[in-house]
């Protein structure tokens, strides 16, 4: 009983601090170390017998070391290389060229009816090369917002659609997919295919929902929806001076991953390794850069951005997962998971109940914290154990969680993307919420329902 109370208190403090914009990585690591210390005081084992240092205080920090090693040796290294490649693409202008190329067809659309769903779907496609929701919003506000206004679409409709562009696009390059597939022992492509079976129908339905909802809001708001915005105040996006084919370079690892994945289905002799394929893609681009500049020195100076990006991946995602691993390890050592799962096992439809609990928790956390990915990363290591006790496949918990984590930011007034877009059009985040809340809620409900109907048990 005392263990459960300790966990509740510590996790309550963790949630409060994250909502108050404390660094979630440091908060989770600190919480994990505190819970491990509590476990030691209460007489619980910290590390397996024979693997400790002989001194319990050292064992607590040994767990921290082991958590880092376990992540660097697996999905964490893949996340770092993907962050590095993305940072390199951004530095050489390939990401911006990809966005510019994708936007060109939209300039030819003259139908207001088509514009809203097309912008929504195209924005989600752009998230493959600009994974940050807030960064993508800045780019789209600069490029697409004037176009939307130019054909008579209201400022609030444009803002509402742009705010929701980076949501649940299925990709093997996503850090959340890489980590979930690794933890659940899924082949990455198989995991992404399951993701696509849920996310693609949801995105298509949301495109239609956006059209009708934004049209309804325009009708009820009238002239108030057409806010006068000085587009000169929007952040300018410079035209990058790189060849058009550079637009394909950010997707080079994706093409290689899919190609090798298909080849591995034909012959078992070929195995897909995302780290290896991304490194190969990196060196191909370095050679292209050397030929473009006619200087290997200039190419290698830019290539260093790859390693800076890897460091960003380590600090932003890998250490966050390490913090989650520490917390989940401590909770398991305290025996709280066993107690909770014993209660769930005695209920009918335990698997669905468990999935719904995690989905609801992610939604609430996402609204309060401006996104639920930190909760997903913090709990992902627990999912195989919980799923096994509930008698279901872990994907039934993981996929809804990560999709809701991405969707929930657009029903949170404190989310960075909501604050950026609302400030760009000169309204409060709460007013922008009216444009995004219903589509987001529809998306969350669809994710949960389709997950229960489609995903394996």
Protein backbone atom coordinates (compact mmCIF):
# COMPACT_ATOMS: atom_id res chain seq x y z
CA UNK A 1 0.00 0.00 0.00
CA UNK A 2 2.78 2.43 0.93
CA UNK A 3 4.46 1.69 -2.43
CA UNK A 4 1.34 2.63 -4.39
CA UNK A 5 0.95 5.88 -2.43
CA UNK A 6 4.59 6.79 -3.07
CA UNK A 7 4.19 6.19 -6.80
CA UNK A 8 0.98 8.24 -6.93
CA UNK A 9 2.59 11.16 -5.08
CA UNK A 10 5.76 11.15 -7.19
CA UNK A 11 3.86 10.79 -10.48
CA UNK A 12 1.47 13.54 -9.42
CA UNK A 13 4.45 15.84 -8.85
CA UNK A 14 5.93 14.77 -12.20
CA UNK A 15 2.70 15.63 -14.01
CA UNK A 16 2.43 18.99 -12.23
CA UNK A 17 6.03 19.96 -13.06
CA UNK A 18 5.69 18.99 -16.73
CA UNK A 19 2.44 20.96 -17.04
CA UNK A 20 4.32 23.91 -15.50
CA UNK A 21 6.88 23.63 -18.34
CA UNK A 22 9.71 22.08 -16.34
CA UNK A 23 12.05 20.03 -18.52
CA UNK A 24 10.33 16.62 -18.79
CA UNK A 25 13.62 14.76 -19.26
CA UNK A 26 15.17 16.04 -16.04
CA UNK A 27 11.88 15.64 -14.17
CA UNK A 28 11.51 11.99 -15.22
CA UNK A 29 15.14 11.10 -14.48
CA UNK A 30 14.88 12.73 -11.04
CA UNK A 31 11.58 10.95 -10.35
CA UNK A 32 13.08 7.62 -11.37
CA UNK A 33 16.06 8.04 -9.06
CA UNK A 34 13.78 9.10 -6.17
CA UNK A 35 11.51 6.09 -6.66
CA UNK A 36 14.52 3.76 -6.86
CA UNK A 37 15.79 5.24 -3.58
CA UNK A 38 12.35 4.64 -2.03
CA UNK A 39 12.42 1.05 -3.28
CA UNK A 40 15.81 0.54 -1.65
CA UNK A 41 14.63 2.00 1.66
CA UNK A 42 11.58 -0.29 1.62
CA UNK A 43 13.81 -3.32 1.08
CA UNK A 44 13.14 -3.97 -2.60
CA UNK A 45 15.92 -5.07 -4.95
CA UNK A 46 17.31 -2.33 -7.20
CA UNK A 47 19.33 -4.48 -9.59
CA UNK A 48 19.31 -8.26 -10.18
CA UNK A 49 21.27 -10.26 -7.64
CA UNK A 50 24.95 -10.49 -8.47
CA UNK A 51 24.89 -7.51 -10.86
CA UNK A 52 25.16 -4.68 -8.32
CA UNK A 53 28.08 -2.66 -7.01
CA UNK A 54 27.77 -3.86 -3.43
CA UNK A 55 26.56 -0.47 -2.22
CA UNK A 56 22.87 0.38 -2.62
CA UNK A 57 23.43 4.11 -3.33
CA UNK A 58 25.74 3.22 -6.19
CA UNK A 59 23.19 0.67 -7.44
CA UNK A 60 20.61 3.43 -7.87
CA UNK A 61 22.90 5.31 -10.25
CA UNK A 62 24.01 2.06 -11.85
CA UNK A 63 20.39 1.66 -12.93
CA UNK A 64 20.67 5.07 -14.62
CA UNK A 65 23.78 3.92 -16.46
CA UNK A 66 22.14 0.65 -17.49
CA UNK A 67 19.10 2.52 -18.81
CA UNK A 68 21.30 4.73 -21.01
CA UNK A 69 23.28 1.75 -22.31
CA UNK A 70 20.10 -0.17 -23.13
CA UNK A 71 18.76 2.73 -25.20
CA UNK A 72 22.02 3.55 -26.97
CA UNK A 73 22.39 -0.10 -27.87
CA UNK A 74 18.94 -0.26 -29.47
CA UNK A 75 16.28 2.14 -30.67
CA UNK A 76 18.02 5.15 -29.14
CA UNK A 77 20.89 4.95 -31.60
CA UNK A 78 18.42 4.80 -34.50
CA UNK A 79 16.57 7.85 -33.16
CA UNK A 80 19.87 9.73 -32.90
CA UNK A 81 20.92 8.95 -36.48
CA UNK A 82 17.48 9.97 -37.79
CA UNK A 83 17.67 13.26 -35.90
CA UNK A 84 21.17 13.77 -37.26
CA UNK A 85 20.11 13.16 -40.85
CA UNK A 86 17.13 15.50 -40.49
CA UNK A 87 19.37 18.22 -39.05
CA UNK A 88 21.82 17.78 -41.94
CA UNK A 89 18.99 17.99 -44.50
CA UNK A 90 17.77 21.16 -42.88
CA UNK A 91 21.25 22.70 -42.92
CA UNK A 92 21.90 22.07 -46.63
CA UNK A 93 18.43 23.32 -47.61
CA UNK A 94 17.00 19.98 -48.74
CA UNK A 95 14.07 20.11 -46.31
CA UNK A 96 13.08 23.59 -47.47
CA UNK A 97 13.38 22.56 -51.12
CA UNK A 98 11.09 19.58 -50.44
CA UNK A 99 8.49 21.88 -48.86
CA UNK A 100 8.72 24.33 -51.78
CA UNK A 101 8.23 21.53 -54.32
CA UNK A 102 5.24 20.13 -52.43
CA UNK A 103 3.62 23.55 -52.22
CA UNK A 104 3.83 24.26 -55.97
CA UNK A 105 0.76 22.16 -56.99
CA UNK A 106 -1.33 23.92 -54.35
CA UNK A 107 -0.78 27.29 -56.02
CA UNK A 108 -2.77 26.05 -59.03
CA UNK A 109 -5.87 25.15 -57.01
CA UNK A 110 -8.60 27.76 -57.40
CA UNK A 111 -11.47 25.91 -55.70
CA UNK A 112 -12.14 26.95 -52.11
CA UNK A 113 -13.85 23.60 -51.52
CA UNK A 114 -10.69 21.69 -52.40
CA UNK A 115 -8.21 24.00 -50.71
CA UNK A 116 -8.94 23.17 -47.07
CA UNK A 117 -8.75 19.33 -47.29
CA UNK A 118 -5.80 19.48 -49.71
CA UNK A 119 -3.82 21.82 -47.45
CA UNK A 120 -4.53 19.58 -44.46
CA UNK A 121 -3.39 16.41 -46.25
CA UNK A 122 -0.41 18.08 -47.90
CA UNK A 123 0.68 19.56 -44.58
CA UNK A 124 0.66 16.10 -43.04
CA UNK A 125 2.73 14.85 -45.97
CA UNK A 126 5.21 17.67 -45.35
CA UNK A 127 5.62 16.46 -41.77
CA UNK A 128 7.73 13.64 -43.23
CA UNK A 129 10.48 16.19 -43.94
CA UNK A 130 9.64 18.72 -41.19
CA UNK A 131 8.62 16.54 -38.22
CA UNK A 132 8.34 19.42 -35.72
CA UNK A 133 4.72 20.63 -35.58
CA UNK A 134 5.70 24.15 -34.53
CA UNK A 135 8.43 24.46 -37.20
CA UNK A 136 6.06 23.21 -39.89
CA UNK A 137 3.40 25.69 -38.74
CA UNK A 138 5.87 28.58 -39.08
CA UNK A 139 6.73 27.49 -42.64
CA UNK A 140 3.12 26.98 -43.70
CA UNK A 141 2.00 30.29 -42.20
CA UNK A 142 4.66 32.00 -44.31
CA UNK A 143 4.02 30.08 -47.55
CA UNK A 144 0.38 28.99 -47.53
CA UNK A 145 -1.38 31.55 -45.36
CA UNK A 146 -1.17 34.34 -47.98
CA UNK A 147 -2.40 31.87 -50.65
CA UNK A 148 -5.37 30.85 -48.52
CA UNK A 149 -6.32 34.46 -47.92
CA UNK A 150 -5.85 35.25 -51.60
CA UNK A 151 -8.68 32.95 -52.69
CA UNK A 152 -11.06 34.17 -50.00
CA UNK A 153 -10.56 31.60 -47.24
CA UNK A 154 -10.96 33.15 -43.79
CA UNK A 155 -8.00 33.79 -41.51
CA UNK A 156 -9.41 31.51 -38.82
CA UNK A 157 -10.00 28.64 -41.26
CA UNK A 158 -6.44 28.96 -42.56
CA UNK A 159 -5.04 29.04 -39.02
CA UNK A 160 -7.15 26.09 -37.87
CA UNK A 161 -6.06 23.87 -40.75
CA UNK A 162 -2.37 24.84 -40.55
CA UNK A 163 -2.28 24.21 -36.78
CA UNK A 164 -3.37 20.59 -37.35
CA UNK A 165 -1.05 19.63 -40.19
CA UNK A 166 1.62 17.66 -38.30
CA UNK A 167 -0.40 14.91 -36.64
CA UNK A 168 -0.28 11.16 -37.30
CA UNK A 169 1.48 10.61 -40.62
CA UNK A 170 2.80 7.00 -40.74
CA UNK A 171 6.57 6.81 -41.31
CA UNK A 172 9.42 4.48 -40.32
CA UNK A 173 11.50 7.62 -39.74
CA UNK A 174 9.41 8.69 -36.73
CA UNK A 175 11.16 8.40 -33.36
CA UNK A 176 7.96 7.20 -31.66
CA UNK A 177 7.50 4.43 -34.23
CA UNK A 178 11.13 3.33 -33.98
CA UNK A 179 11.03 3.11 -30.19
CA UNK A 180 7.61 1.43 -30.01
CA UNK A 181 8.55 -1.19 -32.61
CA UNK A 182 11.78 -1.96 -30.75
CA UNK A 183 10.10 -2.24 -27.34
CA UNK A 184 7.20 -4.36 -28.64
CA UNK A 185 9.57 -6.56 -30.68
CA UNK A 186 7.89 -5.66 -33.97
CA UNK A 187 9.54 -5.37 -37.36
CA UNK A 188 9.51 -1.61 -37.98
CA UNK A 189 7.81 -1.83 -41.38
CA UNK A 190 5.15 -4.15 -39.97
CA UNK A 191 4.52 -1.69 -37.15
CA UNK A 192 4.25 1.24 -39.56
CA UNK A 193 1.82 -0.75 -41.75
CA UNK A 194 -0.44 -1.25 -38.72
CA UNK A 195 -0.03 2.46 -38.02
CA UNK A 196 -1.08 3.29 -41.60
CA UNK A 197 -4.18 1.10 -41.37
CA UNK A 198 -5.38 3.40 -38.59
CA UNK A 199 -3.85 6.77 -39.44
CA UNK A 200 -4.57 7.02 -43.18
CA UNK A 201 -8.36 6.51 -42.85
CA UNK A 202 -8.37 8.93 -39.90
CA UNK A 203 -6.47 11.59 -41.88
CA UNK A 204 -8.81 11.25 -44.88
CA UNK A 205 -11.88 11.56 -42.66
CA UNK A 206 -10.37 14.54 -40.82
CA UNK A 207 -9.76 16.30 -44.15
CA UNK A 208 -13.50 16.10 -44.84
CA UNK A 209 -14.40 17.03 -41.25
CA UNK A 210 -12.16 20.11 -41.50
CA UNK A 211 -13.94 21.31 -44.61
CA UNK A 212 -17.42 21.13 -43.10
CA UNK A 213 -16.38 22.30 -39.62
CA UNK A 214 -14.42 25.31 -40.84
CA UNK A 215 -17.30 26.20 -43.19
CA UNK A 216 -19.73 25.99 -40.26
CA UNK A 217 -17.48 28.16 -38.06
CA UNK A 218 -17.14 30.77 -40.82
CA UNK A 219 -20.91 30.89 -41.13
CA UNK A 220 -21.49 31.35 -37.40
CA UNK A 221 -18.63 33.85 -36.91
CA UNK A 222 -19.33 35.89 -40.04
CA UNK A 223 -16.93 38.76 -40.65
CA UNK A 224 -15.14 38.02 -37.36
CA UNK A 225 -13.52 35.00 -39.05
CA UNK A 226 -11.82 37.29 -41.58
CA UNK A 227 -9.16 38.88 -39.41
CA UNK A 228 -6.91 41.44 -41.04
CA UNK A 229 -3.36 40.13 -40.71
CA UNK A 230 -0.24 41.91 -41.87
CA UNK A 231 1.50 39.10 -43.77
CA UNK A 232 4.75 41.07 -43.71
CA UNK A 233 4.96 40.17 -40.01
CA UNK A 234 5.00 36.46 -40.80
CA UNK A 235 8.41 34.84 -40.74
CA UNK A 236 9.93 34.88 -44.20
CA UNK A 237 11.00 31.57 -45.70
CA UNK A 238 13.97 32.08 -47.98
CA UNK A 239 14.14 30.39 -51.36
CA UNK A 240 17.04 27.95 -51.11
CA UNK A 241 19.55 27.86 -53.93
CA UNK A 242 19.87 24.10 -54.37
CA UNK A 243 18.92 21.81 -57.29
CA UNK A 244 15.31 20.61 -57.47
CA UNK A 245 16.30 16.97 -56.95
CA UNK A 246 17.43 17.93 -53.43
CA UNK A 247 13.74 17.71 -52.53
CA UNK A 248 14.13 13.93 -52.69
CA UNK A 249 17.13 13.72 -50.37
CA UNK A 250 15.20 13.98 -47.06
CA UNK A 251 13.21 10.92 -48.16
CA UNK A 252 16.26 8.91 -49.26
CA UNK A 253 16.42 6.83 -46.03
CA UNK A 254 12.67 6.19 -46.31
CA UNK A 255 13.04 4.98 -49.91
CA UNK A 256 15.95 2.72 -48.94
CA UNK A 257 14.12 1.37 -45.87
CA UNK A 258 11.02 0.50 -47.90
CA UNK A 259 13.12 -0.95 -50.74
CA UNK A 260 15.23 -3.16 -48.48
CA UNK A 261 12.14 -4.07 -46.46
CA UNK A 262 10.42 -5.36 -49.60
CA UNK A 263 13.59 -7.17 -50.65
CA UNK A 264 13.82 -8.84 -47.23
CA UNK A 265 10.31 -10.22 -47.74
CA UNK A 266 11.49 -11.89 -50.95
CA UNK A 267 14.76 -13.25 -49.61
CA UNK A 268 15.69 -13.85 -45.98
CA UNK A 269 19.36 -13.19 -46.77
CA UNK A 270 18.81 -9.42 -46.74
CA UNK A 271 18.03 -7.79 -43.41
CA UNK A 272 16.89 -4.22 -42.89
CA UNK A 273 18.97 -2.04 -40.57
CA UNK A 274 17.71 1.54 -40.34
CA UNK A 275 20.93 2.84 -38.83
CA UNK A 276 23.03 1.38 -41.66
CA UNK A 277 20.66 2.60 -44.39
CA UNK A 278 20.54 6.11 -42.93
CA UNK A 279 24.34 6.28 -42.69
CA UNK A 280 24.59 5.15 -46.32
CA UNK A 281 22.08 7.86 -47.28
CA UNK A 282 24.18 10.39 -45.37
CA UNK A 283 27.39 9.56 -47.25
CA UNK A 284 25.56 9.60 -50.58
CA UNK A 285 24.41 13.15 -49.82
CA UNK A 286 27.92 14.16 -48.69
CA UNK A 287 29.25 13.04 -52.09
CA UNK A 288 26.46 14.95 -53.87
CA UNK A 289 27.30 18.05 -51.82
CA UNK A 290 31.01 17.67 -52.64
CA UNK A 291 30.21 17.52 -56.36
CA UNK A 292 27.82 20.48 -56.15
CA UNK A 293 30.32 22.69 -54.34
CA UNK A 294 33.30 21.13 -56.16
CA UNK A 295 34.92 21.07 -52.74
CA UNK A 296 35.13 18.19 -50.30
CA UNK A 297 36.16 20.63 -47.57
CA UNK A 298 32.89 22.57 -47.85
CA UNK A 299 30.92 19.32 -47.95
CA UNK A 300 32.51 17.93 -44.80
CA UNK A 301 32.00 21.21 -42.95
CA UNK A 302 28.26 20.89 -43.58
CA UNK A 303 28.34 17.16 -42.78
CA UNK A 304 29.27 17.95 -39.17
CA UNK A 305 25.63 19.03 -38.72
CA UNK A 306 24.79 15.33 -38.80
CA UNK A 307 26.61 14.78 -35.52
CA UNK A 308 25.12 17.90 -33.94
CA UNK A 309 21.68 16.55 -34.85
CA UNK A 310 22.52 13.22 -33.25
CA UNK A 311 23.27 15.06 -30.03
CA UNK A 312 19.91 16.80 -30.30
CA UNK A 313 18.21 13.41 -30.71
CA UNK A 314 20.02 12.13 -27.62
CA UNK A 315 19.00 15.11 -25.48
CA UNK A 316 15.43 15.49 -26.77
CA UNK A 317 14.24 11.89 -27.13
CA UNK A 318 16.73 9.27 -25.93
CA UNK A 319 17.25 10.78 -22.47
CA UNK A 320 13.49 11.28 -22.18
CA UNK A 321 13.02 7.57 -22.79
CA UNK A 322 15.83 6.84 -20.31
CA UNK A 323 13.91 8.83 -17.71
CA UNK A 324 10.82 6.79 -18.52
CA UNK A 325 12.81 3.56 -18.20
CA UNK A 326 14.07 4.63 -14.76
CA UNK A 327 10.54 5.43 -13.59
CA UNK A 328 9.07 2.20 -14.93
CA UNK A 329 11.94 0.15 -13.48
CA UNK A 330 11.34 1.70 -10.07
CA UNK A 331 7.57 1.13 -10.27
CA UNK A 332 8.15 -2.50 -11.19
CA UNK A 333 10.67 -2.93 -8.36
CA UNK A 334 8.10 -1.51 -5.94
CA UNK A 335 5.59 -4.13 -7.09
CA UNK A 336 2.94 -1.58 -8.04
CA UNK A 337 2.52 -2.87 -11.61
CA UNK A 338 1.73 -6.37 -10.34
CA UNK A 339 -0.92 -4.98 -7.99
CA UNK A 340 -2.56 -2.87 -10.70
CA UNK A 341 -2.58 -5.65 -13.25
CA UNK A 342 -4.07 -8.08 -10.74
CA UNK A 343 -7.03 -5.70 -10.50
CA UNK A 344 -7.34 -5.39 -14.30
CA UNK A 345 -7.05 -9.13 -14.86
CA UNK A 346 -10.17 -9.69 -12.79
CA UNK A 347 -12.30 -7.47 -15.06
CA UNK A 348 -14.03 -8.57 -18.25
CA UNK A 349 -12.50 -7.27 -21.49
CA UNK A 350 -9.29 -6.49 -19.59
CA UNK A 351 -7.37 -5.70 -22.79
CA UNK A 352 -9.81 -3.10 -24.08
CA UNK A 353 -10.15 -1.56 -20.62
CA UNK A 354 -6.36 -1.24 -20.36
CA UNK A 355 -6.11 0.32 -23.82
CA UNK A 356 -8.87 2.82 -23.02
CA UNK A 357 -7.24 3.78 -19.70
CA UNK A 358 -3.93 4.59 -21.40
CA UNK A 359 -5.69 6.43 -24.24
CA UNK A 360 -7.69 8.55 -21.80
CA UNK A 361 -4.60 9.27 -19.70
CA UNK A 362 -2.64 10.37 -22.78
CA UNK A 363 -5.48 12.66 -23.86
CA UNK A 364 -5.71 14.38 -20.48
CA UNK A 365 -1.95 14.71 -20.17
CA UNK A 366 -1.69 16.02 -23.74
CA UNK A 367 -4.28 18.73 -23.09
CA UNK A 368 -2.55 19.85 -19.88
CA UNK A 369 1.04 19.63 -21.11
CA UNK A 370 0.62 20.69 -24.75
CA UNK A 371 1.27 17.21 -26.14
CA UNK A 372 1.42 13.66 -24.86
CA UNK A 373 4.63 12.29 -26.36
CA UNK A 374 6.56 12.73 -23.11
CA UNK A 375 4.00 10.48 -21.40
CA UNK A 376 4.29 7.96 -24.24
CA UNK A 377 8.09 7.88 -24.02
CA UNK A 378 7.89 7.63 -20.24
CA UNK A 379 5.60 4.59 -20.23
CA UNK A 380 6.50 2.74 -23.43
CA UNK A 381 8.90 0.37 -21.64
CA UNK A 382 6.05 -0.77 -19.39
CA UNK A 383 3.71 -1.66 -22.24
CA UNK A 384 4.94 -5.21 -23.02
CA UNK A 385 4.56 -6.25 -19.37
CA UNK A 386 1.16 -4.59 -18.98
CA UNK A 387 -0.09 -5.99 -22.28
CA UNK A 388 1.01 -9.51 -21.36
CA UNK A 389 -0.81 -9.32 -18.03
CA UNK A 390 -3.92 -7.94 -19.76
CA UNK A 391 -3.76 -10.72 -22.34
CA UNK A 392 -3.37 -8.47 -25.40
CA UNK A 393 -0.76 -7.44 -27.95
CA UNK A 394 1.15 -4.37 -26.78
CA UNK A 395 0.39 -2.58 -30.06
CA UNK A 396 -3.23 -2.20 -28.91
CA UNK A 397 -1.96 0.12 -26.17
CA UNK A 398 1.02 1.71 -27.92
CA UNK A 399 -0.48 2.81 -31.24
CA UNK A 400 -3.53 4.63 -29.83
CA UNK A 401 -1.29 6.25 -27.22
CA UNK A 402 1.23 7.66 -29.68
CA UNK A 403 -1.42 8.85 -32.14
CA UNK A 404 -3.43 10.55 -29.40
CA UNK A 405 -0.19 12.05 -28.04
CA UNK A 406 0.31 13.78 -31.40
CA UNK A 407 -3.34 14.76 -31.85
CA UNK A 408 -3.85 16.12 -28.33
CA UNK A 409 -1.59 19.13 -28.84
CA UNK A 410 -4.30 20.79 -30.96
CA UNK A 411 -6.78 20.79 -28.09
CA UNK A 412 -4.24 22.32 -25.73
CA UNK A 413 -3.96 26.11 -25.42
CA UNK A 414 -0.41 25.71 -24.08
CA UNK A 415 0.91 23.71 -27.05
CA UNK A 416 3.72 25.49 -28.92
CA UNK A 417 2.04 25.05 -32.31
CA UNK A 418 -1.22 26.57 -31.03
CA UNK A 419 0.55 29.57 -29.55
CA UNK A 420 2.63 30.15 -32.69
CA UNK A 421 -0.33 30.00 -35.10
CA UNK A 422 -2.69 32.02 -32.89
CA UNK A 423 -0.11 34.76 -32.35
CA UNK A 424 0.52 34.90 -36.12
CA UNK A 425 -3.13 35.79 -36.77
CA UNK A 426 -3.49 37.93 -33.66
CA UNK A 427 -5.99 35.84 -31.68
CA UNK A 428 -5.81 33.94 -28.39
CA UNK A 429 -5.03 30.19 -28.42
CA UNK A 430 -8.45 29.62 -26.84
CA UNK A 431 -10.17 31.20 -29.86
CA UNK A 432 -8.11 29.04 -32.20
CA UNK A 433 -9.18 25.98 -30.17
CA UNK A 434 -12.72 26.39 -31.51
CA UNK A 435 -11.36 25.64 -34.98
CA UNK A 436 -9.27 22.63 -33.95
CA UNK A 437 -11.16 21.07 -31.03
CA UNK A 438 -13.92 19.22 -32.89
CA UNK A 439 -11.66 17.76 -35.64
CA UNK A 440 -9.16 16.71 -32.97
CA UNK A 441 -11.81 15.02 -30.81
CA UNK A 442 -13.19 13.25 -33.91
CA UNK A 443 -9.64 12.10 -34.69
CA UNK A 444 -9.06 10.76 -31.17
CA UNK A 445 -12.37 8.87 -31.15
CA UNK A 446 -11.64 7.39 -34.60
CA UNK A 447 -8.15 6.31 -33.49
CA UNK A 448 -9.54 4.48 -30.45
CA UNK A 449 -12.42 2.83 -32.34
CA UNK A 450 -10.32 1.75 -35.34
CA UNK A 451 -7.55 0.48 -33.04
CA UNK A 452 -10.01 -1.77 -31.20
CA UNK A 453 -11.52 -2.99 -34.49
CA UNK A 454 -8.34 -3.44 -36.55
CA UNK A 455 -5.28 -4.01 -34.36
CA UNK A 456 -4.26 -7.53 -33.31
CA UNK A 457 -5.14 -8.77 -29.84
